[in-house]
Amino acid sequence: MNSTDGDKIKETLEAISLEEKNCLELFKIQIRHCQQQLALIGERIAAGWHTHELMTQKRAFEEQEFVLNVAAQIQQCSYETKGIQKLLYFDITVH
């Protein structure tokens, strides 16, 4: 592999890492939204608004939060893998 190929691979890994980091931030926002909605629904249920609609919404947000957490964990693994790849391929240590 010549140096231009190496530079291109490094740039690609860095671009993908940045995109994955942005995705992780979006997951945080979405998970926080689910948690806020669950807290709000929990308050309404505690106040005696125990309705089928609230219970359905609660279940939907719980499931959505679960899916987002799993997806975020997968994204985190991918992000960390790109960082390890960059270190393995491009961190030149001279002994």
C-alpha atoms as a PDB file:
ATOM      1  CA  MET A   1       0.000   0.000   0.000  1.00  0.00           C
ATOM      2  CA  ASN A   2       1.439   3.368  -0.935  1.00  0.00           C
ATOM      3  CA  SER A   3       1.179   6.453   1.260  1.00  0.00           C
ATOM      4  CA  THR A   4      -1.723   7.979  -0.697  1.00  0.00           C
ATOM      5  CA  ASP A   5      -3.750   4.806  -0.106  1.00  0.00           C
ATOM      6  CA  GLY A   6      -2.886   4.965   3.580  1.00  0.00           C
ATOM      7  CA  ASP A   7      -3.856   8.626   3.781  1.00  0.00           C
ATOM      8  CA  LYS A   8      -7.156   7.903   2.061  1.00  0.00           C
ATOM      9  CA  ILE A   9      -7.941   5.032   4.436  1.00  0.00           C
ATOM     10  CA  LYS A  10      -7.049   7.188   7.435  1.00  0.00           C
ATOM     11  CA  GLU A  11      -9.266  10.039   6.182  1.00  0.00           C
ATOM     12  CA  THR A  12     -12.106   7.599   5.571  1.00  0.00           C
ATOM     13  CA  LEU A  13     -11.793   6.101   9.069  1.00  0.00           C
ATOM     14  CA  GLU A  14     -11.750   9.580  10.589  1.00  0.00           C
ATOM     15  CA  ALA A  15     -14.818  10.635   8.593  1.00  0.00           C
ATOM     16  CA  ILE A  16     -16.704   7.492   9.590  1.00  0.00           C
ATOM     17  CA  SER A  17     -15.664   7.959  13.233  1.00  0.00           C
ATOM     18  CA  LEU A  18     -16.975  11.522  13.202  1.00  0.00           C
ATOM     19  CA  GLU A  19     -20.262  10.400  11.656  1.00  0.00           C
ATOM     20  CA  GLU A  20     -20.616   7.609  14.215  1.00  0.00           C
ATOM     21  CA  LYS A  21     -19.887  10.030  17.064  1.00  0.00           C
ATOM     22  CA  ASN A  22     -22.653  12.304  15.759  1.00  0.00           C
ATOM     23  CA  CYS A  23     -24.999   9.306  15.624  1.00  0.00           C
ATOM     24  CA  LEU A  24     -24.171   8.491  19.241  1.00  0.00           C
ATOM     25  CA  GLU A  25     -25.130  12.038  20.224  1.00  0.00           C
ATOM     26  CA  LEU A  26     -28.449  11.633  18.406  1.00  0.00           C
ATOM     27  CA  PHE A  27     -29.073   8.372  20.254  1.00  0.00           C
ATOM     28  CA  LYS A  28     -28.485  10.200  23.554  1.00  0.00           C
ATOM     29  CA  ILE A  29     -31.059  12.830  22.588  1.00  0.00           C
ATOM     30  CA  GLN A  30     -33.617  10.205  21.578  1.00  0.00           C
ATOM     31  CA  ILE A  31     -33.051   8.114  24.708  1.00  0.00           C
ATOM     32  CA  ARG A  32     -33.356  11.218  26.897  1.00  0.00           C
ATOM     33  CA  HIS A  33     -36.658  12.056  25.154  1.00  0.00           C
ATOM     34  CA  CYS A  34     -38.001   8.572  25.892  1.00  0.00           C
ATOM     35  CA  GLN A  35     -36.934   8.877  29.532  1.00  0.00           C
ATOM     36  CA  GLN A  36     -38.611  12.273  29.846  1.00  0.00           C
ATOM     37  CA  GLN A  37     -41.826  10.945  28.336  1.00  0.00           C
ATOM     38  CA  LEU A  38     -41.735   7.918  30.629  1.00  0.00           C
ATOM     39  CA  ALA A  39     -41.280  10.202  33.647  1.00  0.00           C
ATOM     40  CA  LEU A  40     -44.218  12.345  32.530  1.00  0.00           C
ATOM     41  CA  ILE A  41     -46.413   9.313  31.961  1.00  0.00           C
ATOM     42  CA  GLY A  42     -45.329   7.924  35.335  1.00  0.00           C
ATOM     43  CA  GLU A  43     -46.401  11.161  37.036  1.00  0.00           C
ATOM     44  CA  ARG A  44     -49.785  11.028  35.336  1.00  0.00           C
ATOM     45  CA  ILE A  45     -50.303   7.402  36.323  1.00  0.00           C
ATOM     46  CA  ALA A  46     -49.276   8.212  39.912  1.00  0.00           C
ATOM     47  CA  ALA A  47     -51.793  11.071  39.907  1.00  0.00           C
ATOM     48  CA  GLY A  48     -54.559   8.617  39.103  1.00  0.00           C
ATOM     49  CA  TRP A  49     -54.756   9.005  35.332  1.00  0.00           C
ATOM     50  CA  HIS A  50     -54.445   5.262  34.927  1.00  0.00           C
ATOM     51  CA  THR A  51     -55.875   4.805  31.457  1.00  0.00           C
ATOM     52  CA  HIS A  52     -55.345   2.289  28.706  1.00  0.00           C
ATOM     53  CA  GLU A  53     -53.911   5.016  26.471  1.00  0.00           C
ATOM     54  CA  LEU A  54     -51.285   5.996  29.051  1.00  0.00           C
ATOM     55  CA  MET A  55     -50.311   2.381  29.605  1.00  0.00           C
ATOM     56  CA  THR A  56     -49.985   1.878  25.847  1.00  0.00           C
ATOM     57  CA  GLN A  57     -47.825   4.998  25.537  1.00  0.00           C
ATOM     58  CA  LYS A  58     -45.695   3.869  28.460  1.00  0.00           C
ATOM     59  CA  ARG A  59     -45.105   0.490  26.860  1.00  0.00           C
ATOM     60  CA  ALA A  60     -44.278   2.099  23.497  1.00  0.00           C
ATOM     61  CA  PHE A  61     -41.693   4.438  25.052  1.00  0.00           C
ATOM     62  CA  GLU A  62     -40.180   1.581  27.081  1.00  0.00           C
ATOM     63  CA  GLU A  63     -39.793  -0.493  23.930  1.00  0.00           C
ATOM     64  CA  GLN A  64     -38.402   2.459  21.984  1.00  0.00           C
ATOM     65  CA  GLU A  65     -35.883   3.196  24.724  1.00  0.00           C
ATOM     66  CA  PHE A  66     -34.785  -0.454  24.711  1.00  0.00           C
ATOM     67  CA  VAL A  67     -34.314  -0.469  20.927  1.00  0.00           C
ATOM     68  CA  LEU A  68     -32.381   2.812  21.036  1.00  0.00           C
ATOM     69  CA  ASN A  69     -30.110   1.524  23.801  1.00  0.00           C
ATOM     70  CA  VAL A  70     -29.290  -1.631  21.847  1.00  0.00           C
ATOM     71  CA  ALA A  71     -28.651   0.358  18.671  1.00  0.00           C
ATOM     72  CA  ALA A  72     -26.482   2.839  20.582  1.00  0.00           C
ATOM     73  CA  GLN A  73     -24.416   0.010  22.068  1.00  0.00           C
ATOM     74  CA  ILE A  74     -23.831  -1.420  18.602  1.00  0.00           C
ATOM     75  CA  GLN A  75     -22.887   2.039  17.312  1.00  0.00           C
ATOM     76  CA  GLN A  76     -20.524   2.498  20.280  1.00  0.00           C
ATOM     77  CA  CYS A  77     -18.777  -0.798  19.460  1.00  0.00           C
ATOM     78  CA  SER A  78     -18.353   0.275  15.854  1.00  0.00           C
ATOM     79  CA  TYR A  79     -17.026   3.692  16.908  1.00  0.00           C
ATOM     80  CA  GLU A  80     -14.506   2.136  19.293  1.00  0.00           C
ATOM     81  CA  THR A  81     -13.440  -0.371  16.623  1.00  0.00           C
ATOM     82  CA  LYS A  82     -12.658   2.471  14.214  1.00  0.00           C
ATOM     83  CA  GLY A  83     -10.494   4.070  16.900  1.00  0.00           C
ATOM     84  CA  ILE A  84      -8.614   0.815  17.440  1.00  0.00           C
ATOM     85  CA  GLN A  85      -8.185   0.396  13.683  1.00  0.00           C
ATOM     86  CA  LYS A  86      -6.694   3.881  13.431  1.00  0.00           C
ATOM     87  CA  LEU A  87      -4.257   3.090  16.234  1.00  0.00           C
ATOM     88  CA  LEU A  88      -3.261  -0.250  14.751  1.00  0.00           C
ATOM     89  CA  TYR A  89      -2.856   1.013  11.216  1.00  0.00           C
ATOM     90  CA  PHE A  90      -1.472   4.487  11.721  1.00  0.00           C
ATOM     91  CA  ASP A  91       0.057   4.876  15.179  1.00  0.00           C
ATOM     92  CA  ILE A  92       3.726   4.572  14.379  1.00  0.00           C
ATOM     93  CA  THR A  93       5.804   3.835  17.450  1.00  0.00           C
ATOM     94  CA  VAL A  94       9.544   3.720  16.966  1.00  0.00           C
ATOM     95  CA  HIS A  95      11.483   1.666  19.498  1.00  0.00           C
END
